[in-house]
Amino acid sequence: MEGRTTVRTDKFLWAARLYKTRSMASEACRKGKILINGIEAKPSRIISEDDILVVKKLPVTYTYKVLKPAGNRVSAAIVPSLIEDLTPEEEKSKLLLRKSLIGGYREKGAGRPTKKERRSLDRLSDGINHL
């Protein structure tokens, strides 16, 4: 593998801004939420170019192709040069659906929800979490 850059999985996930901290990335690997080329990845597994990453962040399963492994955190503007997003639109729509339904909508000036309203919102959000 000479001439090819390789990086630890947890470090790459953090550097490409898929996780906020490296420890969160390591935890996701240990819980089996990261697949590299269809195989569950440990935090220490090496990532190289052209690997396919599957990141399970419920309710969405993201798919990325590694274009250039990086061990140092980069700015958000540079991330597209590191990874290519292969996530299908159906997966992305799951996230939009969940975001639109969970928050609910209240008229401006309506104040805090009453206990009864809050309970009905909780029942609604419990139904959505099981999608």
C-alpha atoms as a PDB file:
ATOM      1  CA  MET A   1       0.000   0.000   0.000  1.00  0.00           C
ATOM      2  CA  GLU A   2       2.811   2.390  -0.637  1.00  0.00           C
ATOM      3  CA  GLY A   3       1.791   5.798  -1.883  1.00  0.00           C
ATOM      4  CA  ARG A   4      -1.699   5.439  -0.373  1.00  0.00           C
ATOM      5  CA  THR A   5      -2.662   7.326   2.759  1.00  0.00           C
ATOM      6  CA  THR A   6      -4.334   5.317   5.503  1.00  0.00           C
ATOM      7  CA  VAL A   7      -6.048   6.539   8.662  1.00  0.00           C
ATOM      8  CA  ARG A   8      -7.810   4.971  11.653  1.00  0.00           C
ATOM      9  CA  THR A   9     -11.596   4.745  11.293  1.00  0.00           C
ATOM     10  CA  ASP A  10     -12.431   6.788  14.385  1.00  0.00           C
ATOM     11  CA  LYS A  11      -9.968   9.494  13.446  1.00  0.00           C
ATOM     12  CA  PHE A  12     -11.325   9.751   9.891  1.00  0.00           C
ATOM     13  CA  LEU A  13     -14.965   9.923  11.036  1.00  0.00           C
ATOM     14  CA  TRP A  14     -14.008  12.809  13.324  1.00  0.00           C
ATOM     15  CA  ALA A  15     -11.814  14.537  10.697  1.00  0.00           C
ATOM     16  CA  ALA A  16     -14.556  14.351   8.037  1.00  0.00           C
ATOM     17  CA  ARG A  17     -17.041  15.866  10.520  1.00  0.00           C
ATOM     18  CA  LEU A  18     -19.330  12.832  10.587  1.00  0.00           C
ATOM     19  CA  TYR A  19     -19.045  12.830  14.392  1.00  0.00           C
ATOM     20  CA  LYS A  20     -18.478  15.754  16.725  1.00  0.00           C
ATOM     21  CA  THR A  21     -15.755  14.075  18.770  1.00  0.00           C
ATOM     22  CA  ARG A  22     -13.357  11.229  18.202  1.00  0.00           C
ATOM     23  CA  SER A  23     -14.703   9.419  21.256  1.00  0.00           C
ATOM     24  CA  MET A  24     -18.226   9.535  19.769  1.00  0.00           C
ATOM     25  CA  ALA A  25     -16.831   8.052  16.560  1.00  0.00           C
ATOM     26  CA  SER A  26     -15.070   5.294  18.527  1.00  0.00           C
ATOM     27  CA  GLU A  27     -18.259   4.518  20.435  1.00  0.00           C
ATOM     28  CA  ALA A  28     -20.239   4.248  17.175  1.00  0.00           C
ATOM     29  CA  CYS A  29     -17.649   1.772  15.854  1.00  0.00           C
ATOM     30  CA  ARG A  30     -17.831  -0.334  19.023  1.00  0.00           C
ATOM     31  CA  LYS A  31     -21.637  -0.422  18.822  1.00  0.00           C
ATOM     32  CA  GLY A  32     -21.514  -1.715  15.229  1.00  0.00           C
ATOM     33  CA  LYS A  33     -22.926   1.439  13.623  1.00  0.00           C
ATOM     34  CA  ILE A  34     -20.033   1.783  11.170  1.00  0.00           C
ATOM     35  CA  LEU A  35     -19.490  -0.590   8.245  1.00  0.00           C
ATOM     36  CA  ILE A  36     -16.512  -0.438   5.904  1.00  0.00           C
ATOM     37  CA  ASN A  37     -17.070  -2.327   2.659  1.00  0.00           C
ATOM     38  CA  GLY A  38     -19.890  -4.265   4.346  1.00  0.00           C
ATOM     39  CA  ILE A  39     -17.846  -5.336   7.407  1.00  0.00           C
ATOM     40  CA  GLU A  40     -18.326  -3.951  10.918  1.00  0.00           C
ATOM     41  CA  ALA A  41     -15.385  -1.715  11.736  1.00  0.00           C
ATOM     42  CA  LYS A  42     -13.411  -1.372  14.936  1.00  0.00           C
ATOM     43  CA  PRO A  43     -12.133   2.123  15.799  1.00  0.00           C
ATOM     44  CA  SER A  44      -8.572   1.077  14.935  1.00  0.00           C
ATOM     45  CA  ARG A  45      -9.409  -0.344  11.492  1.00  0.00           C
ATOM     46  CA  ILE A  46      -7.548   1.404   8.700  1.00  0.00           C
ATOM     47  CA  ILE A  47      -9.497   3.364   6.080  1.00  0.00           C
ATOM     48  CA  SER A  48      -8.034   3.894   2.637  1.00  0.00           C
ATOM     49  CA  GLU A  49      -9.158   5.457  -0.636  1.00  0.00           C
ATOM     50  CA  ASP A  50     -12.240   4.070  -2.403  1.00  0.00           C
ATOM     51  CA  ASP A  51     -13.600   2.406   0.752  1.00  0.00           C
ATOM     52  CA  ILE A  52     -17.392   2.546   1.162  1.00  0.00           C
ATOM     53  CA  LEU A  53     -18.527   3.722   4.615  1.00  0.00           C
ATOM     54  CA  VAL A  54     -21.995   3.023   5.952  1.00  0.00           C
ATOM     55  CA  VAL A  55     -22.852   5.158   8.989  1.00  0.00           C
ATOM     56  CA  LYS A  56     -26.040   4.265  10.879  1.00  0.00           C
ATOM     57  CA  LYS A  57     -27.453   7.340  12.614  1.00  0.00           C
ATOM     58  CA  LEU A  58     -31.091   6.518  13.235  1.00  0.00           C
ATOM     59  CA  PRO A  59     -33.424   6.990  11.452  1.00  0.00           C
ATOM     60  CA  VAL A  60     -31.029   7.392   8.489  1.00  0.00           C
ATOM     61  CA  THR A  61     -28.305   5.111   7.162  1.00  0.00           C
ATOM     62  CA  TYR A  62     -25.716   7.260   5.386  1.00  0.00           C
ATOM     63  CA  THR A  63     -23.398   5.884   2.690  1.00  0.00           C
ATOM     64  CA  TYR A  64     -20.117   7.576   1.770  1.00  0.00           C
ATOM     65  CA  LYS A  65     -17.203   6.834  -0.527  1.00  0.00           C
ATOM     66  CA  VAL A  66     -13.780   7.799   0.813  1.00  0.00           C
ATOM     67  CA  LEU A  67     -11.987   9.978  -1.726  1.00  0.00           C
ATOM     68  CA  LYS A  68      -9.013  10.985   0.390  1.00  0.00           C
ATOM     69  CA  PRO A  69      -8.312   9.776   3.947  1.00  0.00           C
ATOM     70  CA  ALA A  70      -7.437  12.576   6.358  1.00  0.00           C
ATOM     71  CA  GLY A  71      -6.291  12.274   9.949  1.00  0.00           C
ATOM     72  CA  ASN A  72      -6.625  15.931  10.869  1.00  0.00           C
ATOM     73  CA  ARG A  73      -9.963  17.694  11.261  1.00  0.00           C
ATOM     74  CA  VAL A  74     -10.731  19.861   8.255  1.00  0.00           C
ATOM     75  CA  SER A  75     -13.084  22.774   7.692  1.00  0.00           C
ATOM     76  CA  ALA A  76     -16.603  22.036   6.515  1.00  0.00           C
ATOM     77  CA  ALA A  77     -15.798  23.521   3.104  1.00  0.00           C
ATOM     78  CA  ILE A  78     -13.087  20.875   2.514  1.00  0.00           C
ATOM     79  CA  VAL A  79     -15.175  17.842   3.565  1.00  0.00           C
ATOM     80  CA  PRO A  80     -16.580  17.233   0.024  1.00  0.00           C
ATOM     81  CA  SER A  81     -13.013  16.639  -1.178  1.00  0.00           C
ATOM     82  CA  LEU A  82     -12.634  13.858   1.446  1.00  0.00           C
ATOM     83  CA  ILE A  83     -15.915  11.974   1.022  1.00  0.00           C
ATOM     84  CA  GLU A  84     -18.590  11.560  -1.622  1.00  0.00           C
ATOM     85  CA  ASP A  85     -22.146  11.235  -0.356  1.00  0.00           C
ATOM     86  CA  LEU A  86     -23.845   8.168  -1.885  1.00  0.00           C
ATOM     87  CA  THR A  87     -26.863   8.218   0.448  1.00  0.00           C
ATOM     88  CA  PRO A  88     -30.126   7.538  -1.434  1.00  0.00           C
ATOM     89  CA  GLU A  89     -32.777  10.293  -1.372  1.00  0.00           C
ATOM     90  CA  GLU A  90     -35.249   7.932   0.382  1.00  0.00           C
ATOM     91  CA  GLU A  91     -32.933   7.824   3.410  1.00  0.00           C
ATOM     92  CA  LYS A  92     -32.568  11.603   3.508  1.00  0.00           C
ATOM     93  CA  SER A  93     -36.331  12.028   3.304  1.00  0.00           C
ATOM     94  CA  LYS A  94     -36.700   9.939   6.490  1.00  0.00           C
ATOM     95  CA  LEU A  95     -34.729  12.585   8.360  1.00  0.00           C
ATOM     96  CA  LEU A  96     -36.807  15.437   6.957  1.00  0.00           C
ATOM     97  CA  LEU A  97     -40.022  13.626   7.869  1.00  0.00           C
ATOM     98  CA  ARG A  98     -38.881  13.042  11.426  1.00  0.00           C
ATOM     99  CA  LYS A  99     -37.710  16.634  11.894  1.00  0.00           C
ATOM    100  CA  SER A 100     -40.972  18.059  10.609  1.00  0.00           C
ATOM    101  CA  LEU A 101     -43.145  15.879  12.848  1.00  0.00           C
ATOM    102  CA  ILE A 102     -41.227  15.916  16.119  1.00  0.00           C
ATOM    103  CA  GLY A 103     -41.091  19.627  16.782  1.00  0.00           C
ATOM    104  CA  GLY A 104     -44.734  20.272  16.119  1.00  0.00           C
ATOM    105  CA  TYR A 105     -46.008  23.746  15.459  1.00  0.00           C
ATOM    106  CA  ARG A 106     -47.317  26.343  17.885  1.00  0.00           C
ATOM    107  CA  GLU A 107     -48.711  29.734  17.045  1.00  0.00           C
ATOM    108  CA  LYS A 108     -46.557  32.638  18.097  1.00  0.00           C
ATOM    109  CA  GLY A 109     -47.688  33.903  21.484  1.00  0.00           C
ATOM    110  CA  ALA A 110     -49.446  30.637  22.371  1.00  0.00           C
ATOM    111  CA  GLY A 111     -47.193  30.198  25.405  1.00  0.00           C
ATOM    112  CA  ARG A 112     -46.048  26.962  26.968  1.00  0.00           C
ATOM    113  CA  PRO A 113     -47.991  23.818  26.207  1.00  0.00           C
ATOM    114  CA  THR A 114     -50.329  22.635  28.942  1.00  0.00           C
ATOM    115  CA  LYS A 115     -49.770  19.279  30.613  1.00  0.00           C
ATOM    116  CA  LYS A 116     -52.484  17.728  28.427  1.00  0.00           C
ATOM    117  CA  GLU A 117     -50.942  19.154  25.236  1.00  0.00           C
ATOM    118  CA  ARG A 118     -47.493  17.968  26.278  1.00  0.00           C
ATOM    119  CA  ARG A 119     -48.760  14.434  26.859  1.00  0.00           C
ATOM    120  CA  SER A 120     -50.373  14.313  23.425  1.00  0.00           C
ATOM    121  CA  LEU A 121     -47.103  15.590  21.874  1.00  0.00           C
ATOM    122  CA  ASP A 122     -45.218  12.840  23.727  1.00  0.00           C
ATOM    123  CA  ARG A 123     -47.613  10.180  22.408  1.00  0.00           C
ATOM    124  CA  LEU A 124     -47.149  11.540  18.888  1.00  0.00           C
ATOM    125  CA  SER A 125     -43.353  11.546  19.141  1.00  0.00           C
ATOM    126  CA  ASP A 126     -43.331   7.982  20.550  1.00  0.00           C
ATOM    127  CA  GLY A 127     -45.183   6.826  17.436  1.00  0.00           C
ATOM    128  CA  ILE A 128     -42.652   8.546  15.193  1.00  0.00           C
ATOM    129  CA  ASN A 129     -39.637   7.044  16.983  1.00  0.00           C
ATOM    130  CA  HIS A 130     -40.819   3.601  15.928  1.00  0.00           C
ATOM    131  CA  LEU A 131     -40.671   4.363  12.158  1.00  0.00           C
END
